[in-house]
Amino acid sequence: MRSKTGRTTKDGIHIYEQADFAGMHAAGAVAARILDDIAAHVHVGQTTGELDRLITQMIEEAGVTSATIGYKGYQHASCISINHVVCHGIPGDKKLKDGDILNIDVTVIVDGWFGDTSRMYVAGKLPRKAERLIQITHDALMKGIEVVKPGNTFGDIGHAIQSYAESQRVSVVRDFCGHGLGQVFHAPPNVLHYGRPGTGPVLEEGMFFTIEPMLNLGRAETKVLADDWTAVTRDKSLSAQFEHSVGVTADGVDIFTLSPSGRFHPTFDTDS
C-alpha cells in the first residue's frame, strides 16, 4: 500500500508528507517499546523461541500486526541473531549461554505504517571484545544518522558509517543494507552502510528509511545457511547490529524508533 499523498523521485523513492510522520512515530514507538520490554527476558538459559513467543504475545496485546509473520514464508515475529549470526537468525530451541550477544529485530504494522528496529542484548556477563564491538556499532549508526538532512546523499550516510567503523578496525557487512519503508515494508532506496561522499540519491524532506549497520570483528564476508534465512560471518567472527527507522525533516532527521525507556543500548545508559 502506497501513501495517497506525496510523490516519487526519479530514483523510485517515495516522498511522504508532513502529516505522515505521525504514523511512523506511532509504529516506531510500538516496536521500540516491545524491544524495551523483551530486555528483562534475555538471560542465560533462555531460548530464542521463548523470546519470540513473548514478542508475538506483546504484539498481540498491543493490538497491532507483525510484519514478518508470513513474510516470504517466514513464521516468526522477530529475527534473533546470536554471536556470529549477522542477521535473520530464526528463533528456536537454542538456549542462551553466558556471554552470548544477540540482536533482536522486530517490525510491526500500526494503522498501515511500518515500524522497524533492532538492537543488541547480552546474556550474562558481557565479554570485553563484544562490548567494544557493540559500542562501535551503536556509534556507527548514530554517525550515519547525524548526516541525514536535505541536500546530503545516501553515499554520505554510508561513508560516515564506513569511515568510523574502519577507523576502529572492524569491518562493515556489504551483503545486507537498510531500506526505504513507510506504508510498505521494503522499498527504494537500498541504504548502504559504506560509500563515497556525494554519491547516490540526494536526501529530501519526507524520505523514510532504515539505517541498520552490521559490523564484524573479523572480515566482512557472510554466507546464508541452508535455511535460506540465517546469515553468518564466514570466518565465525562476532557480529553486531543496531537499527533505527528515520525520516528526513526540513532541517535534519527524525528518529521514529527511539527507546521509550532509554534502553536502545544494552547497558541501558544510552538512549539514541
Protein backbone atom coordinates (compact mmCIF):
# COMPACT_ATOMS: atom_id res chain seq x y z
CA MET A 1 0.00 0.00 0.00
CA ARG A 2 1.36 3.37 -1.04
CA SER A 3 0.56 6.66 0.59
CA LYS A 4 -2.16 8.55 -1.30
CA THR A 5 -0.18 11.69 -0.72
CA GLY A 6 3.33 12.71 -1.66
CA ARG A 7 5.32 11.87 -4.78
CA THR A 8 8.08 9.57 -6.04
CA THR A 9 11.56 10.70 -7.12
CA LYS A 10 13.32 9.61 -10.30
CA ASP A 11 15.16 7.04 -8.15
CA GLY A 12 11.86 5.46 -7.12
CA ILE A 13 11.99 6.86 -3.58
CA HIS A 14 8.63 7.89 -2.16
CA ILE A 15 8.40 11.35 -0.60
CA TYR A 16 5.89 11.38 2.25
CA GLU A 17 4.02 14.43 3.55
CA GLN A 18 4.42 16.12 6.91
CA ALA A 19 1.22 14.51 8.24
CA ASP A 20 2.70 11.05 7.56
CA PHE A 21 5.40 11.49 10.20
CA ALA A 22 2.80 10.88 12.93
CA GLY A 23 2.01 7.43 11.55
CA MET A 24 5.68 6.48 11.52
CA HIS A 25 6.14 7.72 15.07
CA ALA A 26 3.21 5.59 16.23
CA ALA A 27 4.56 2.45 14.56
CA GLY A 28 8.13 3.08 15.66
CA ALA A 29 7.07 3.64 19.26
CA VAL A 30 5.30 0.28 19.44
CA ALA A 31 8.29 -1.59 18.01
CA ALA A 32 10.70 0.22 20.33
CA ARG A 33 8.55 -0.46 23.39
CA ILE A 34 8.48 -4.17 22.58
CA LEU A 35 12.28 -4.21 22.40
CA ASP A 36 12.37 -2.38 25.74
CA ASP A 37 10.07 -4.93 27.34
CA ILE A 38 11.83 -8.03 26.00
CA ALA A 39 15.10 -6.98 27.67
CA ALA A 40 14.02 -8.40 31.05
CA HIS A 41 13.59 -11.83 29.46
CA VAL A 42 17.09 -12.07 27.93
CA HIS A 43 19.14 -14.23 30.29
CA VAL A 44 21.33 -17.31 30.43
CA GLY A 45 19.26 -20.44 29.73
CA GLN A 46 16.50 -18.60 27.88
CA THR A 47 15.63 -19.89 24.41
CA THR A 48 15.29 -17.70 21.37
CA GLY A 49 11.98 -19.43 20.68
CA GLU A 50 10.59 -18.30 24.02
CA LEU A 51 11.77 -14.75 23.34
CA ASP A 52 9.92 -14.85 20.03
CA ARG A 53 6.80 -16.24 21.72
CA LEU A 54 6.86 -13.36 24.19
CA ILE A 55 7.35 -10.83 21.38
CA THR A 56 4.42 -12.34 19.49
CA GLN A 57 2.31 -12.01 22.64
CA MET A 58 3.39 -8.38 23.10
CA ILE A 59 2.42 -7.57 19.52
CA GLU A 60 -0.99 -9.16 20.00
CA GLU A 61 -1.54 -7.34 23.31
CA ALA A 62 -0.66 -4.04 21.61
CA GLY A 63 -3.39 -4.70 19.06
CA VAL A 64 -1.04 -4.36 16.11
CA THR A 65 0.30 -6.70 13.42
CA SER A 66 3.66 -8.40 12.92
CA ALA A 67 5.18 -7.52 9.57
CA THR A 68 7.38 -10.63 9.49
CA ILE A 69 4.94 -13.47 10.23
CA GLY A 70 4.10 -14.80 6.77
CA TYR A 71 6.59 -12.51 5.01
CA LYS A 72 8.13 -14.62 2.22
CA GLY A 73 7.18 -17.69 4.25
CA TYR A 74 8.85 -16.55 7.48
CA GLN A 75 6.91 -17.72 10.54
CA HIS A 76 8.20 -15.63 13.44
CA ALA A 77 7.59 -12.16 14.88
CA SER A 78 11.30 -11.49 15.29
CA CYS A 79 14.73 -12.30 13.95
CA ILE A 80 17.19 -13.20 16.71
CA SER A 81 20.84 -13.32 15.70
CA ILE A 82 23.42 -14.65 18.17
CA ASN A 83 27.19 -14.04 18.18
CA HIS A 84 28.46 -14.76 14.63
CA VAL A 85 24.96 -14.62 13.11
CA VAL A 86 24.86 -11.36 11.17
CA CYS A 87 21.10 -11.10 10.63
CA HIS A 88 17.88 -13.04 10.02
CA GLY A 89 18.52 -15.59 12.75
CA ILE A 90 15.47 -17.85 13.18
CA PRO A 91 14.14 -18.28 16.76
CA GLY A 92 14.18 -21.84 18.04
CA ASP A 93 15.28 -24.16 20.84
CA LYS A 94 18.78 -22.71 21.21
CA LYS A 95 19.50 -21.68 24.82
CA LEU A 96 21.50 -18.57 25.53
CA LYS A 97 24.88 -19.10 27.19
CA ASP A 98 26.80 -16.75 29.45
CA GLY A 99 28.42 -14.04 27.34
CA ASP A 100 26.23 -14.53 24.27
CA ILE A 101 25.37 -11.34 22.44
CA LEU A 102 22.25 -11.16 20.32
CA ASN A 103 20.42 -8.81 18.02
CA ILE A 104 16.63 -8.80 18.19
CA ASP A 105 14.86 -7.29 15.17
CA VAL A 106 11.13 -6.51 15.24
CA THR A 107 8.84 -4.90 12.68
CA VAL A 108 5.19 -4.08 13.37
CA ILE A 109 2.39 -2.55 11.32
CA VAL A 110 0.30 0.13 13.03
CA ASP A 111 -2.60 1.55 11.00
CA GLY A 112 -0.75 0.70 7.81
CA TRP A 113 2.61 2.17 8.88
CA PHE A 114 5.71 0.02 9.42
CA GLY A 115 7.92 0.37 12.49
CA ASP A 116 11.24 -1.45 12.06
CA THR A 117 14.05 -1.51 14.63
CA SER A 118 16.68 -3.77 16.15
CA ARG A 119 19.19 -3.59 18.94
CA MET A 120 21.76 -5.63 20.84
CA TYR A 121 21.34 -7.61 24.08
CA VAL A 122 23.63 -9.74 26.22
CA ALA A 123 23.02 -12.88 28.28
CA GLY A 124 25.06 -12.87 31.47
CA LYS A 125 28.40 -11.09 31.58
CA LEU A 126 29.33 -9.04 28.53
CA PRO A 127 32.78 -10.03 27.20
CA ARG A 128 35.14 -7.12 26.64
CA LYS A 129 35.64 -7.67 22.91
CA ALA A 130 31.88 -7.97 22.41
CA GLU A 131 31.31 -4.81 24.44
CA ARG A 132 33.73 -2.94 22.19
CA LEU A 133 32.03 -4.21 19.02
CA ILE A 134 28.58 -3.30 20.33
CA GLN A 135 29.69 0.21 21.24
CA ILE A 136 31.35 0.80 17.87
CA THR A 137 28.27 -0.47 16.03
CA HIS A 138 25.96 1.75 18.05
CA ASP A 139 28.18 4.77 17.46
CA ALA A 140 28.48 3.98 13.74
CA LEU A 141 24.69 4.01 13.42
CA MET A 142 24.48 7.35 15.17
CA LYS A 143 27.22 8.83 12.96
CA GLY A 144 25.21 7.74 9.94
CA ILE A 145 22.07 9.33 11.33
CA GLU A 146 23.92 12.57 12.09
CA VAL A 147 24.48 13.30 8.40
CA VAL A 148 20.82 12.81 7.44
CA LYS A 149 19.47 16.13 6.22
CA PRO A 150 18.20 17.56 2.93
CA GLY A 151 20.96 18.08 0.39
CA ASN A 152 23.26 15.35 1.67
CA THR A 153 23.34 11.99 -0.12
CA PHE A 154 22.93 8.34 0.77
CA GLY A 155 26.63 7.98 -0.03
CA ASP A 156 27.32 10.44 2.79
CA ILE A 157 25.48 8.14 5.21
CA GLY A 158 27.43 5.09 4.08
CA HIS A 159 30.73 6.95 4.20
CA ALA A 160 30.10 8.20 7.75
CA ILE A 161 29.46 4.64 8.93
CA GLN A 162 32.26 3.01 6.98
CA SER A 163 34.96 5.55 7.81
CA TYR A 164 34.21 5.37 11.52
CA ALA A 165 33.96 1.57 11.64
CA GLU A 166 37.16 1.01 9.73
CA SER A 167 38.98 3.56 11.88
CA GLN A 168 38.08 1.29 14.81
CA ARG A 169 39.43 -1.78 12.96
CA VAL A 170 36.11 -3.53 12.41
CA SER A 171 34.55 -4.43 9.07
CA VAL A 172 31.27 -3.34 7.50
CA VAL A 173 28.98 -6.04 6.10
CA ARG A 174 28.19 -5.25 2.45
CA ASP A 175 25.78 -8.09 1.69
CA PHE A 176 22.85 -6.50 3.56
CA CYS A 177 21.62 -2.93 3.80
CA GLY A 178 18.92 -0.61 5.07
CA HIS A 179 15.85 0.19 3.01
CA GLY A 180 13.03 2.58 2.40
CA LEU A 181 9.80 1.99 4.32
CA GLY A 182 6.61 3.76 5.32
CA GLN A 183 3.37 2.19 4.19
CA VAL A 184 5.43 -0.65 2.73
CA PHE A 185 7.97 -2.92 4.45
CA HIS A 186 10.78 -2.67 1.90
CA ALA A 187 11.04 0.00 -0.77
CA PRO A 188 13.73 2.01 -2.57
CA PRO A 189 16.36 3.04 -1.80
CA ASN A 190 18.90 0.48 -0.66
CA VAL A 191 20.67 2.23 2.22
CA LEU A 192 24.27 1.06 2.02
CA HIS A 193 26.47 1.24 5.11
CA TYR A 194 29.54 2.07 3.07
CA GLY A 195 30.15 4.51 0.25
CA ARG A 196 31.72 7.68 -1.07
CA PRO A 197 30.65 11.19 -0.07
CA GLY A 198 28.40 12.94 -2.54
CA THR A 199 27.25 9.78 -4.31
CA GLY A 200 23.82 8.20 -4.52
CA PRO A 201 20.39 9.84 -4.40
CA VAL A 202 20.10 13.22 -2.69
CA LEU A 203 18.19 13.25 0.59
CA GLU A 204 14.89 15.13 0.54
CA GLU A 205 12.40 16.05 3.23
CA GLY A 206 9.80 13.29 3.53
CA MET A 207 12.04 10.30 2.79
CA PHE A 208 11.57 7.43 5.28
CA PHE A 209 14.13 4.63 5.58
CA THR A 210 16.10 2.41 7.94
CA ILE A 211 19.78 2.64 8.78
CA GLU A 212 20.98 -0.68 10.20
CA PRO A 213 24.75 -1.26 10.03
CA MET A 214 26.11 -4.73 10.67
CA LEU A 215 29.75 -4.71 11.80
CA ASN A 216 32.08 -7.67 12.29
CA LEU A 217 35.17 -8.11 14.45
CA GLY A 218 36.68 -10.14 11.63
CA ARG A 219 36.20 -9.97 7.88
CA ALA A 220 33.10 -8.57 6.23
CA GLU A 221 32.14 -11.64 4.19
CA THR A 222 28.94 -13.50 5.04
CA LYS A 223 27.14 -16.63 3.92
CA VAL A 224 23.50 -17.69 4.15
CA LEU A 225 22.80 -21.09 5.70
CA ALA A 226 20.69 -23.86 4.20
CA ASP A 227 17.51 -22.48 5.81
CA ASP A 228 17.74 -19.60 3.28
CA TRP A 229 17.43 -17.01 6.07
CA THR A 230 20.27 -17.15 8.59
CA ALA A 231 23.30 -15.09 7.55
CA VAL A 232 26.59 -15.72 9.37
CA THR A 233 30.12 -14.39 9.21
CA ARG A 234 32.25 -16.62 7.02
CA ASP A 235 35.15 -16.50 9.50
CA LYS A 236 32.86 -17.09 12.53
CA SER A 237 33.81 -13.70 13.99
CA LEU A 238 31.37 -11.79 16.20
CA SER A 239 28.84 -9.52 14.50
CA ALA A 240 26.64 -6.74 15.89
CA GLN A 241 23.84 -4.58 14.51
CA PHE A 242 21.66 -1.64 15.52
CA GLU A 243 18.74 -0.31 13.51
CA HIS A 244 16.60 2.82 13.59
CA SER A 245 13.82 3.94 11.27
CA VAL A 246 14.20 7.61 10.38
CA GLY A 247 12.61 10.37 8.37
CA VAL A 248 14.24 13.36 6.69
CA THR A 249 12.90 16.65 8.04
CA ALA A 250 13.23 20.17 6.65
CA ASP A 251 16.49 20.71 8.51
CA GLY A 252 17.66 17.29 9.71
CA VAL A 253 16.37 13.93 10.84
CA ASP A 254 13.53 12.47 12.92
CA ILE A 255 14.18 9.09 14.60
CA PHE A 256 10.94 7.12 14.77
CA THR A 257 12.19 4.20 16.90
CA LEU A 258 13.72 5.85 19.97
CA SER A 259 13.60 3.68 23.09
CA PRO A 260 10.84 4.99 25.41
CA SER A 261 12.87 3.99 28.49
CA GLY A 262 16.40 4.66 27.29
CA ARG A 263 17.26 1.01 26.60
CA PHE A 264 18.43 1.19 23.00
CA HIS A 265 21.97 0.36 24.17
CA PRO A 266 22.32 -2.91 26.14
CA THR A 267 23.99 -1.21 29.09
CA PHE A 268 20.84 0.96 29.31
CA ASP A 269 22.89 4.12 29.82
CA THR A 270 22.33 5.46 26.33
CA ASP A 271 19.12 6.49 24.60
CA SER A 272 19.69 7.21 20.98
